[in-house]
């Protein structure tokens, strides 16, 4: 077997729709798809296909985690800002107050 070179993997160069079809078929018919690939393409090509599917899954998982973390952090910050206690109440009876008070 040849060592794995990511740049020479032709399955990573497929466009979105082609790779979506390939990975969907590979995952839907998982045990049989590996066996069919082994019989038709051989060990080296099957290894490239499986590594491309695993790499795509890792990238997708990383993006989902990043989006969920961003949403959760945004919600937490907004909730903290929403429930933040108001500033100290200013005393309008102080001698040097800068507030404008209206008396009737």
PDB file of N, CA and C in Angstrom:
ATOM      1  N   UNK A   1       0.836  -1.186   0.000  1.00  0.00           N
ATOM      2  CA  UNK A   1       0.000   0.000   0.000  1.00  0.00           C
ATOM      3  C   UNK A   1       0.880   1.249   0.000  1.00  0.00           C
ATOM      4  N   UNK A   2       0.398   2.246  -0.674  1.00  0.00           N
ATOM      5  CA  UNK A   2       1.117   3.511  -0.797  1.00  0.00           C
ATOM      6  C   UNK A   2       0.718   4.415   0.366  1.00  0.00           C
ATOM      7  N   UNK A   3       1.653   5.234   0.864  1.00  0.00           N
ATOM      8  CA  UNK A   3       1.322   6.152   1.951  1.00  0.00           C
ATOM      9  C   UNK A   3       0.319   7.198   1.454  1.00  0.00           C
ATOM     10  N   UNK A   4      -0.462   7.706   2.386  1.00  0.00           N
ATOM     11  CA  UNK A   4      -1.560   8.620   2.038  1.00  0.00           C
ATOM     12  C   UNK A   4      -1.032  10.015   1.767  1.00  0.00           C
ATOM     13  N   UNK A   5      -1.363  10.528   0.591  1.00  0.00           N
ATOM     14  CA  UNK A   5      -1.039  11.904   0.222  1.00  0.00           C
ATOM     15  C   UNK A   5      -2.352  12.624  -0.036  1.00  0.00           C
ATOM     16  N   UNK A   6      -2.705  13.533   0.847  1.00  0.00           N
ATOM     17  CA  UNK A   6      -4.000  14.212   0.786  1.00  0.00           C
ATOM     18  C   UNK A   6      -4.186  14.983  -0.517  1.00  0.00           C
ATOM     19  N   UNK A   7      -3.137  15.594  -1.030  1.00  0.00           N
ATOM     20  CA  UNK A   7      -3.246  16.422  -2.232  1.00  0.00           C
ATOM     21  C   UNK A   7      -3.504  15.603  -3.487  1.00  0.00           C
ATOM     22  N   UNK A   8      -3.122  14.338  -3.470  1.00  0.00           N
ATOM     23  CA  UNK A   8      -3.327  13.519  -4.660  1.00  0.00           C
ATOM     24  C   UNK A   8      -4.599  12.683  -4.589  1.00  0.00           C
ATOM     25  N   UNK A   9      -5.412  12.880  -3.567  1.00  0.00           N
ATOM     26  CA  UNK A   9      -6.666  12.141  -3.445  1.00  0.00           C
ATOM     27  C   UNK A   9      -7.688  12.707  -4.420  1.00  0.00           C
ATOM     28  N   UNK A  10      -8.059  11.971  -5.463  1.00  0.00           N
ATOM     29  CA  UNK A  10      -8.987  12.513  -6.458  1.00  0.00           C
ATOM     30  C   UNK A  10     -10.405  12.683  -5.925  1.00  0.00           C
ATOM     31  N   UNK A  11     -10.743  11.981  -4.852  1.00  0.00           N
ATOM     32  CA  UNK A  11     -12.104  12.072  -4.311  1.00  0.00           C
ATOM     33  C   UNK A  11     -12.314  13.347  -3.504  1.00  0.00           C
ATOM     34  N   UNK A  12     -11.239  13.982  -3.085  1.00  0.00           N
ATOM     35  CA  UNK A  12     -11.363  15.276  -2.414  1.00  0.00           C
ATOM     36  C   UNK A  12     -11.529  16.412  -3.419  1.00  0.00           C
ATOM     37  N   UNK A  13     -11.291  16.124  -4.693  1.00  0.00           N
ATOM     38  CA  UNK A  13     -11.414  17.143  -5.737  1.00  0.00           C
ATOM     39  C   UNK A  13     -12.777  17.121  -6.417  1.00  0.00           C
ATOM     40  N   UNK A  14     -13.665  16.231  -5.994  1.00  0.00           N
ATOM     41  CA  UNK A  14     -15.012  16.174  -6.570  1.00  0.00           C
ATOM     42  C   UNK A  14     -15.787  17.417  -6.170  1.00  0.00           C
ATOM     43  N   UNK A  15     -16.743  17.805  -7.027  1.00  0.00           N
ATOM     44  CA  UNK A  15     -17.575  18.941  -6.646  1.00  0.00           C
ATOM     45  C   UNK A  15     -18.573  18.505  -5.571  1.00  0.00           C
ATOM     46  N   UNK A  16     -19.323  19.449  -5.062  1.00  0.00           N
ATOM     47  CA  UNK A  16     -20.200  19.200  -3.908  1.00  0.00           C
ATOM     48  C   UNK A  16     -21.205  18.090  -4.174  1.00  0.00           C
ATOM     49  N   UNK A  17     -21.904  18.158  -5.294  1.00  0.00           N
ATOM     50  CA  UNK A  17     -22.980  17.216  -5.581  1.00  0.00           C
ATOM     51  C   UNK A  17     -22.448  15.813  -5.847  1.00  0.00           C
ATOM     52  N   UNK A  18     -21.330  15.711  -6.552  1.00  0.00           N
ATOM     53  CA  UNK A  18     -20.738  14.393  -6.798  1.00  0.00           C
ATOM     54  C   UNK A  18     -20.294  13.746  -5.492  1.00  0.00           C
ATOM     55  N   UNK A  19     -19.648  14.525  -4.642  1.00  0.00           N
ATOM     56  CA  UNK A  19     -19.182  13.962  -3.383  1.00  0.00           C
ATOM     57  C   UNK A  19     -20.345  13.672  -2.445  1.00  0.00           C
ATOM     58  N   UNK A  20     -21.400  14.471  -2.508  1.00  0.00           N
ATOM     59  CA  UNK A  20     -22.592  14.190  -1.701  1.00  0.00           C
ATOM     60  C   UNK A  20     -23.194  12.853  -2.100  1.00  0.00           C
ATOM     61  N   UNK A  21     -23.287  12.605  -3.408  1.00  0.00           N
ATOM     62  CA  UNK A  21     -23.824  11.326  -3.879  1.00  0.00           C
ATOM     63  C   UNK A  21     -22.923  10.167  -3.452  1.00  0.00           C
ATOM     64  N   UNK A  22     -21.615  10.324  -3.611  1.00  0.00           N
ATOM     65  CA  UNK A  22     -20.674   9.272  -3.237  1.00  0.00           C
ATOM     66  C   UNK A  22     -20.741   8.964  -1.745  1.00  0.00           C
ATOM     67  N   UNK A  23     -20.694   9.998  -0.912  1.00  0.00           N
ATOM     68  CA  UNK A  23     -20.699   9.760   0.534  1.00  0.00           C
ATOM     69  C   UNK A  23     -22.039   9.224   1.015  1.00  0.00           C
ATOM     70  N   UNK A  24     -23.137   9.660   0.386  1.00  0.00           N
ATOM     71  CA  UNK A  24     -24.451   9.142   0.770  1.00  0.00           C
ATOM     72  C   UNK A  24     -24.558   7.659   0.461  1.00  0.00           C
ATOM     73  N   UNK A  25     -24.132   7.262  -0.728  1.00  0.00           N
ATOM     74  CA  UNK A  25     -24.170   5.842  -1.090  1.00  0.00           C
ATOM     75  C   UNK A  25     -23.250   5.036  -0.178  1.00  0.00           C
ATOM     76  N   UNK A  26     -22.080   5.573   0.117  1.00  0.00           N
ATOM     77  CA  UNK A  26     -21.141   4.865   0.988  1.00  0.00           C
ATOM     78  C   UNK A  26     -21.714   4.673   2.395  1.00  0.00           C
ATOM     79  N   UNK A  27     -22.397   5.681   2.901  1.00  0.00           N
ATOM     80  CA  UNK A  27     -22.929   5.574   4.259  1.00  0.00           C
ATOM     81  C   UNK A  27     -24.235   4.777   4.328  1.00  0.00           C
ATOM     82  N   UNK A  28     -25.069   4.878   3.292  1.00  0.00           N
ATOM     83  CA  UNK A  28     -26.324   4.124   3.306  1.00  0.00           C
ATOM     84  C   UNK A  28     -26.088   2.625   3.205  1.00  0.00           C
ATOM     85  N   UNK A  29     -25.171   2.241   2.364  1.00  0.00           N
ATOM     86  CA  UNK A  29     -24.894   0.819   2.157  1.00  0.00           C
ATOM     87  C   UNK A  29     -23.532   0.465   2.747  1.00  0.00           C
ATOM     88  N   UNK A  30     -23.286   0.896   3.983  1.00  0.00           N
ATOM     89  CA  UNK A  30     -21.940   0.894   4.546  1.00  0.00           C
ATOM     90  C   UNK A  30     -21.172  -0.416   4.427  1.00  0.00           C
ATOM     91  N   UNK A  31     -21.578  -1.492   5.012  1.00  0.00           N
ATOM     92  CA  UNK A  31     -20.658  -2.634   4.923  1.00  0.00           C
ATOM     93  C   UNK A  31     -20.502  -3.149   3.490  1.00  0.00           C
ATOM     94  N   UNK A  32     -21.612  -3.133   2.740  1.00  0.00           N
ATOM     95  CA  UNK A  32     -21.560  -3.669   1.381  1.00  0.00           C
ATOM     96  C   UNK A  32     -20.819  -2.730   0.434  1.00  0.00           C
ATOM     97  N   UNK A  33     -20.930  -1.429   0.660  1.00  0.00           N
ATOM     98  CA  UNK A  33     -20.245  -0.486  -0.227  1.00  0.00           C
ATOM     99  C   UNK A  33     -18.720  -0.621  -0.110  1.00  0.00           C
ATOM    100  N   UNK A  34     -18.238  -0.886   1.092  1.00  0.00           N
ATOM    101  CA  UNK A  34     -16.800  -1.093   1.269  1.00  0.00           C
ATOM    102  C   UNK A  34     -16.362  -2.369   0.551  1.00  0.00           C
ATOM    103  N   UNK A  35     -17.151  -3.416   0.697  1.00  0.00           N
ATOM    104  CA  UNK A  35     -16.805  -4.672   0.023  1.00  0.00           C
ATOM    105  C   UNK A  35     -16.834  -4.536  -1.491  1.00  0.00           C
ATOM    106  N   UNK A  36     -17.845  -3.839  -2.017  1.00  0.00           N
ATOM    107  CA  UNK A  36     -17.932  -3.632  -3.463  1.00  0.00           C
ATOM    108  C   UNK A  36     -16.760  -2.785  -3.950  1.00  0.00           C
ATOM    109  N   UNK A  37     -16.410  -1.753  -3.198  1.00  0.00           N
ATOM    110  CA  UNK A  37     -15.253  -0.932  -3.575  1.00  0.00           C
ATOM    111  C   UNK A  37     -13.966  -1.748  -3.547  1.00  0.00           C
ATOM    112  N   UNK A  38     -13.826  -2.610  -2.550  1.00  0.00           N
ATOM    113  CA  UNK A  38     -12.640  -3.457  -2.493  1.00  0.00           C
ATOM    114  C   UNK A  38     -12.552  -4.378  -3.700  1.00  0.00           C
ATOM    115  N   UNK A  39     -13.688  -4.952  -4.093  1.00  0.00           N
ATOM    116  CA  UNK A  39     -13.688  -5.865  -5.235  1.00  0.00           C
ATOM    117  C   UNK A  39     -13.482  -5.136  -6.561  1.00  0.00           C
ATOM    118  N   UNK A  40     -14.098  -3.966  -6.713  1.00  0.00           N
ATOM    119  CA  UNK A  40     -14.047  -3.265  -8.001  1.00  0.00           C
ATOM    120  C   UNK A  40     -12.798  -2.396  -8.121  1.00  0.00           C
ATOM    121  N   UNK A  41     -12.520  -1.572  -7.102  1.00  0.00           N
ATOM    122  CA  UNK A  41     -11.440  -0.592  -7.189  1.00  0.00           C
ATOM    123  C   UNK A  41     -10.127  -1.059  -6.595  1.00  0.00           C
ATOM    124  N   UNK A  42     -10.163  -1.984  -5.675  1.00  0.00           N
ATOM    125  CA  UNK A  42      -8.937  -2.426  -5.026  1.00  0.00           C
ATOM    126  C   UNK A  42      -8.735  -1.712  -3.697  1.00  0.00           C
ATOM    127  N   UNK A  43      -7.700  -2.103  -3.004  1.00  0.00           N
ATOM    128  CA  UNK A  43      -7.455  -1.605  -1.651  1.00  0.00           C
ATOM    129  C   UNK A  43      -7.075  -0.125  -1.649  1.00  0.00           C
ATOM    130  N   UNK A  44      -6.222   0.277  -2.574  1.00  0.00           N
ATOM    131  CA  UNK A  44      -5.731   1.662  -2.565  1.00  0.00           C
ATOM    132  C   UNK A  44      -6.844   2.669  -2.855  1.00  0.00           C
ATOM    133  N   UNK A  45      -7.671   2.401  -3.860  1.00  0.00           N
ATOM    134  CA  UNK A  45      -8.768   3.323  -4.187  1.00  0.00           C
ATOM    135  C   UNK A  45      -9.822   3.336  -3.082  1.00  0.00           C
ATOM    136  N   UNK A  46     -10.099   2.176  -2.488  1.00  0.00           N
ATOM    137  CA  UNK A  46     -11.064   2.115  -1.388  1.00  0.00           C
ATOM    138  C   UNK A  46     -10.554   2.917  -0.200  1.00  0.00           C
ATOM    139  N   UNK A  47      -9.266   2.831   0.046  1.00  0.00           N
ATOM    140  CA  UNK A  47      -8.667   3.603   1.134  1.00  0.00           C
ATOM    141  C   UNK A  47      -8.833   5.098   0.877  1.00  0.00           C
ATOM    142  N   UNK A  48      -8.624   5.541  -0.355  1.00  0.00           N
ATOM    143  CA  UNK A  48      -8.786   6.957  -0.691  1.00  0.00           C
ATOM    144  C   UNK A  48     -10.240   7.411  -0.518  1.00  0.00           C
ATOM    145  N   UNK A  49     -11.174   6.562  -0.933  1.00  0.00           N
ATOM    146  CA  UNK A  49     -12.597   6.902  -0.791  1.00  0.00           C
ATOM    147  C   UNK A  49     -12.966   7.028   0.691  1.00  0.00           C
ATOM    148  N   UNK A  50     -12.562   6.054   1.488  1.00  0.00           N
ATOM    149  CA  UNK A  50     -12.906   6.066   2.919  1.00  0.00           C
ATOM    150  C   UNK A  50     -12.257   7.260   3.608  1.00  0.00           C
ATOM    151  N   UNK A  51     -11.020   7.562   3.283  1.00  0.00           N
ATOM    152  CA  UNK A  51     -10.357   8.713   3.898  1.00  0.00           C
ATOM    153  C   UNK A  51     -11.018  10.026   3.491  1.00  0.00           C
ATOM    154  N   UNK A  52     -11.482  10.121   2.254  1.00  0.00           N
ATOM    155  CA  UNK A  52     -12.181  11.331   1.820  1.00  0.00           C
ATOM    156  C   UNK A  52     -13.507  11.485   2.561  1.00  0.00           C
ATOM    157  N   UNK A  53     -14.230  10.380   2.747  1.00  0.00           N
ATOM    158  CA  UNK A  53     -15.508  10.442   3.469  1.00  0.00           C
ATOM    159  C   UNK A  53     -15.266  10.805   4.936  1.00  0.00           C
ATOM    160  N   UNK A  54     -14.242  10.234   5.556  1.00  0.00           N
ATOM    161  CA  UNK A  54     -13.938  10.543   6.955  1.00  0.00           C
ATOM    162  C   UNK A  54     -13.510  12.002   7.100  1.00  0.00           C
ATOM    163  N   UNK A  55     -12.696  12.493   6.167  1.00  0.00           N
ATOM    164  CA  UNK A  55     -12.260  13.883   6.237  1.00  0.00           C
ATOM    165  C   UNK A  55     -13.439  14.838   6.055  1.00  0.00           C
ATOM    166  N   UNK A  56     -14.345  14.508   5.139  1.00  0.00           N
ATOM    167  CA  UNK A  56     -15.527  15.342   4.940  1.00  0.00           C
ATOM    168  C   UNK A  56     -16.408  15.332   6.178  1.00  0.00           C
ATOM    169  N   UNK A  57     -16.557  14.173   6.818  1.00  0.00           N
ATOM    170  CA  UNK A  57     -17.340  14.087   8.046  1.00  0.00           C
ATOM    171  C   UNK A  57     -16.713  14.934   9.149  1.00  0.00           C
ATOM    172  N   UNK A  58     -15.379  14.893   9.262  1.00  0.00           N
ATOM    173  CA  UNK A  58     -14.698  15.683  10.292  1.00  0.00           C
ATOM    174  C   UNK A  58     -14.878  17.177  10.049  1.00  0.00           C
ATOM    175  N   UNK A  59     -14.778  17.603   8.792  1.00  0.00           N
ATOM    176  CA  UNK A  59     -14.984  19.020   8.469  1.00  0.00           C
ATOM    177  C   UNK A  59     -16.413  19.444   8.777  1.00  0.00           C
ATOM    178  N   UNK A  60     -17.378  18.602   8.417  1.00  0.00           N
ATOM    179  CA  UNK A  60     -18.785  18.919   8.677  1.00  0.00           C
ATOM    180  C   UNK A  60     -19.049  18.996  10.177  1.00  0.00           C
ATOM    181  N   UNK A  61     -18.528  18.045  10.926  1.00  0.00           N
ATOM    182  CA  UNK A  61     -18.707  18.054  12.379  1.00  0.00           C
ATOM    183  C   UNK A  61     -18.082  19.293  13.005  1.00  0.00           C
ATOM    184  N   UNK A  62     -16.911  19.671  12.543  1.00  0.00           N
ATOM    185  CA  UNK A  62     -16.246  20.867  13.055  1.00  0.00           C
ATOM    186  C   UNK A  62     -17.069  22.119  12.768  1.00  0.00           C
ATOM    187  N   UNK A  63     -17.633  22.221  11.583  1.00  0.00           N
ATOM    188  CA  UNK A  63     -18.453  23.383  11.238  1.00  0.00           C
ATOM    189  C   UNK A  63     -19.733  23.420  12.071  1.00  0.00           C
ATOM    190  N   UNK A  64     -20.359  22.275  12.286  1.00  0.00           N
ATOM    191  CA  UNK A  64     -21.580  22.232  13.099  1.00  0.00           C
ATOM    192  C   UNK A  64     -21.264  22.653  14.531  1.00  0.00           C
ATOM    193  N   UNK A  65     -20.163  22.165  15.083  1.00  0.00           N
ATOM    194  CA  UNK A  65     -19.770  22.546  16.446  1.00  0.00           C
ATOM    195  C   UNK A  65     -19.492  24.044  16.519  1.00  0.00           C
ATOM    196  N   UNK A  66     -18.825  24.588  15.501  1.00  0.00           N
ATOM    197  CA  UNK A  66     -18.528  26.022  15.497  1.00  0.00           C
ATOM    198  C   UNK A  66     -19.798  26.859  15.427  1.00  0.00           C
ATOM    199  N   UNK A  67     -20.746  26.460  14.590  1.00  0.00           N
ATOM    200  CA  UNK A  67     -22.000  27.216  14.463  1.00  0.00           C
ATOM    201  C   UNK A  67     -22.811  27.120  15.750  1.00  0.00           C
ATOM    202  N   UNK A  68     -22.908  25.926  16.324  1.00  0.00           N
ATOM    203  CA  UNK A  68     -23.666  25.758  17.569  1.00  0.00           C
ATOM    204  C   UNK A  68     -23.007  26.536  18.701  1.00  0.00           C
ATOM    205  N   UNK A  69     -21.695  26.508  18.793  1.00  0.00           N
ATOM    206  CA  UNK A  69     -20.997  27.258  19.837  1.00  0.00           C
ATOM    207  C   UNK A  69     -21.216  28.758  19.671  1.00  0.00           C
ATOM    208  N   UNK A  70     -21.196  29.238  18.443  1.00  0.00           N
ATOM    209  CA  UNK A  70     -21.446  30.658  18.201  1.00  0.00           C
ATOM    210  C   UNK A  70     -22.858  31.046  18.618  1.00  0.00           C
ATOM    211  N   UNK A  71     -23.819  30.217  18.285  1.00  0.00           N
ATOM    212  CA  UNK A  71     -25.212  30.507  18.663  1.00  0.00           C
ATOM    213  C   UNK A  71     -25.373  30.478  20.181  1.00  0.00           C
ATOM    214  N   UNK A  72     -24.795  29.486  20.839  1.00  0.00           N
ATOM    215  CA  UNK A  72     -24.917  29.380  22.299  1.00  0.00           C
ATOM    216  C   UNK A  72     -24.246  30.565  22.986  1.00  0.00           C
ATOM    217  N   UNK A  73     -23.057  30.935  22.538  1.00  0.00           N
ATOM    218  CA  UNK A  73     -22.362  32.078  23.144  1.00  0.00           C
ATOM    219  C   UNK A  73     -23.155  33.364  22.927  1.00  0.00           C
ATOM    220  N   UNK A  74     -23.720  33.536  21.741  1.00  0.00           N
ATOM    221  CA  UNK A  74     -24.536  34.721  21.470  1.00  0.00           C
ATOM    222  C   UNK A  74     -25.763  34.766  22.374  1.00  0.00           C
ATOM    223  N   UNK A  75     -26.421  33.637  22.557  1.00  0.00           N
ATOM    224  CA  UNK A  75     -27.598  33.593  23.437  1.00  0.00           C
ATOM    225  C   UNK A  75     -27.206  33.897  24.878  1.00  0.00           C
ATOM    226  N   UNK A  76     -26.091  33.351  25.338  1.00  0.00           N
ATOM    227  CA  UNK A  76     -25.654  33.605  26.715  1.00  0.00           C
ATOM    228  C   UNK A  76     -25.328  35.085  26.913  1.00  0.00           C
ATOM    229  N   UNK A  77     -24.626  35.681  25.958  1.00  0.00           N
ATOM    230  CA  UNK A  77     -24.287  37.103  26.076  1.00  0.00           C
ATOM    231  C   UNK A  77     -25.555  37.958  26.073  1.00  0.00           C
ATOM    232  N   UNK A  78     -26.498  37.641  25.196  1.00  0.00           N
ATOM    233  CA  UNK A  78     -27.747  38.410  25.154  1.00  0.00           C
ATOM    234  C   UNK A  78     -28.550  38.252  26.439  1.00  0.00           C
ATOM    235  N   UNK A  79     -28.575  37.048  27.005  1.00  0.00           N
ATOM    236  CA  UNK A  79     -29.291  36.844  28.268  1.00  0.00           C
ATOM    237  C   UNK A  79     -28.621  37.597  29.414  1.00  0.00           C
ATOM    238  N   UNK A  80     -27.301  37.596  29.440  1.00  0.00           N
ATOM    239  CA  UNK A  80     -26.598  38.338  30.484  1.00  0.00           C
ATOM    240  C   UNK A  80     -26.882  39.834  30.344  1.00  0.00           C
ATOM    241  N   UNK A  81     -26.874  40.333  29.110  1.00  0.00           N
ATOM    242  CA  UNK A  81     -27.180  41.753  28.907  1.00  0.00           C
ATOM    243  C   UNK A  81     -28.632  42.055  29.265  1.00  0.00           C
ATOM    244  N   UNK A  82     -29.536  41.136  29.000  1.00  0.00           N
ATOM    245  CA  UNK A  82     -30.959  41.349  29.278  1.00  0.00           C
ATOM    246  C   UNK A  82     -31.224  41.390  30.776  1.00  0.00           C
ATOM    247  N   UNK A  83     -30.622  40.461  31.520  1.00  0.00           N
ATOM    248  CA  UNK A  83     -30.878  40.370  32.950  1.00  0.00           C
ATOM    249  C   UNK A  83     -29.865  41.136  33.789  1.00  0.00           C
ATOM    250  N   UNK A  84     -29.058  41.952  33.170  1.00  0.00           N
ATOM    251  CA  UNK A  84     -28.063  42.735  33.894  1.00  0.00           C
ATOM    252  C   UNK A  84     -28.778  43.681  34.849  1.00  0.00           C
ATOM    253  N   UNK A  85     -28.261  43.777  36.054  1.00  0.00           N
ATOM    254  CA  UNK A  85     -28.897  44.661  37.027  1.00  0.00           C
ATOM    255  C   UNK A  85     -28.661  46.110  36.611  1.00  0.00           C
ATOM    256  N   UNK A  86     -29.637  46.972  36.857  1.00  0.00           N
ATOM    257  CA  UNK A  86     -29.465  48.371  36.459  1.00  0.00           C
ATOM    258  C   UNK A  86     -28.385  49.039  37.298  1.00  0.00           C
ATOM    259  N   UNK A  87     -27.880  50.141  36.797  1.00  0.00           N
ATOM    260  CA  UNK A  87     -26.847  50.883  37.532  1.00  0.00           C
ATOM    261  C   UNK A  87     -27.421  51.390  38.845  1.00  0.00           C
ATOM    262  N   UNK A  88     -26.526  51.783  39.727  1.00  0.00           N
ATOM    263  CA  UNK A  88     -26.971  52.285  41.027  1.00  0.00           C
ATOM    264  C   UNK A  88     -27.918  53.461  40.840  1.00  0.00           C
ATOM    265  N   UNK A  89     -28.920  53.513  41.695  1.00  0.00           N
ATOM    266  CA  UNK A  89     -29.899  54.602  41.633  1.00  0.00           C
ATOM    267  C   UNK A  89     -29.236  55.877  42.136  1.00  0.00           C
ATOM    268  N   UNK A  90     -29.379  56.922  41.377  1.00  0.00           N
ATOM    269  CA  UNK A  90     -28.756  58.191  41.783  1.00  0.00           C
ATOM    270  C   UNK A  90     -29.661  58.902  42.776  1.00  0.00           C
ATOM    271  N   UNK A  91     -29.052  59.579  43.709  1.00  0.00           N
ATOM    272  CA  UNK A  91     -29.779  60.310  44.741  1.00  0.00           C
ATOM    273  C   UNK A  91     -30.084  61.709  44.213  1.00  0.00           C
ATOM    274  N   UNK A  92     -31.347  62.003  44.006  1.00  0.00           N
ATOM    275  CA  UNK A  92     -31.735  63.321  43.479  1.00  0.00           C
ATOM    276  C   UNK A  92     -31.733  64.382  44.564  1.00  0.00           C
ATOM    277  N   UNK A  93     -31.579  64.017  45.823  1.00  0.00           N
ATOM    278  CA  UNK A  93     -31.574  64.991  46.907  1.00  0.00           C
ATOM    279  C   UNK A  93     -30.163  65.454  47.257  1.00  0.00           C
ATOM    280  N   UNK A  94     -29.192  64.986  46.531  1.00  0.00           N
ATOM    281  CA  UNK A  94     -27.826  65.392  46.864  1.00  0.00           C
ATOM    282  C   UNK A  94     -27.610  66.856  46.493  1.00  0.00           C
ATOM    283  N   UNK A  95     -26.672  67.461  47.172  1.00  0.00           N
ATOM    284  CA  UNK A  95     -26.418  68.887  46.992  1.00  0.00           C
ATOM    285  C   UNK A  95     -25.816  69.202  45.637  1.00  0.00           C
ATOM    286  N   UNK A  96     -24.981  68.324  45.115  1.00  0.00           N
ATOM    287  CA  UNK A  96     -24.284  68.595  43.857  1.00  0.00           C
ATOM    288  C   UNK A  96     -24.762  67.681  42.729  1.00  0.00           C
ATOM    289  N   UNK A  97     -26.009  67.360  42.721  1.00  0.00           N
ATOM    290  CA  UNK A  97     -26.545  66.482  41.681  1.00  0.00           C
ATOM    291  C   UNK A  97     -26.584  67.173  40.322  1.00  0.00           C
ATOM    292  N   UNK A  98     -26.313  66.458  39.298  1.00  0.00           N
ATOM    293  CA  UNK A  98     -26.313  67.035  37.962  1.00  0.00           C
ATOM    294  C   UNK A  98     -27.627  66.739  37.241  1.00  0.00           C
ATOM    295  N   UNK A  99     -28.539  66.039  37.909  1.00  0.00           N
ATOM    296  CA  UNK A  99     -29.812  65.709  37.261  1.00  0.00           C
ATOM    297  C   UNK A  99     -30.742  66.925  37.309  1.00  0.00           C
ATOM    298  N   UNK A 100     -31.608  66.977  36.355  1.00  0.00           N
ATOM    299  CA  UNK A 100     -32.622  68.048  36.326  1.00  0.00           C
ATOM    300  C   UNK A 100     -33.870  67.497  37.006  1.00  0.00           C
ATOM    301  N   UNK A 101     -34.322  68.180  38.004  1.00  0.00           N
ATOM    302  CA  UNK A 101     -35.523  67.764  38.700  1.00  0.00           C
ATOM    303  C   UNK A 101     -36.585  68.833  38.503  1.00  0.00           C
ATOM    304  N   UNK A 102     -37.800  68.348  38.362  1.00  0.00           N
ATOM    305  CA  UNK A 102     -38.907  69.290  38.171  1.00  0.00           C
ATOM    306  C   UNK A 102     -39.763  69.274  39.431  1.00  0.00           C
ATOM    307  N   UNK A 103     -40.054  70.469  39.947  1.00  0.00           N
ATOM    308  CA  UNK A 103     -40.880  70.601  41.145  1.00  0.00           C
ATOM    309  C   UNK A 103     -42.181  71.261  40.732  1.00  0.00           C
ATOM    310  N   UNK A 104     -43.247  70.835  41.351  1.00  0.00           N
ATOM    311  CA  UNK A 104     -44.551  71.439  41.053  1.00  0.00           C
ATOM    312  C   UNK A 104     -44.845  72.558  41.994  1.00  0.00           C
TER     313      UNK A 104
END
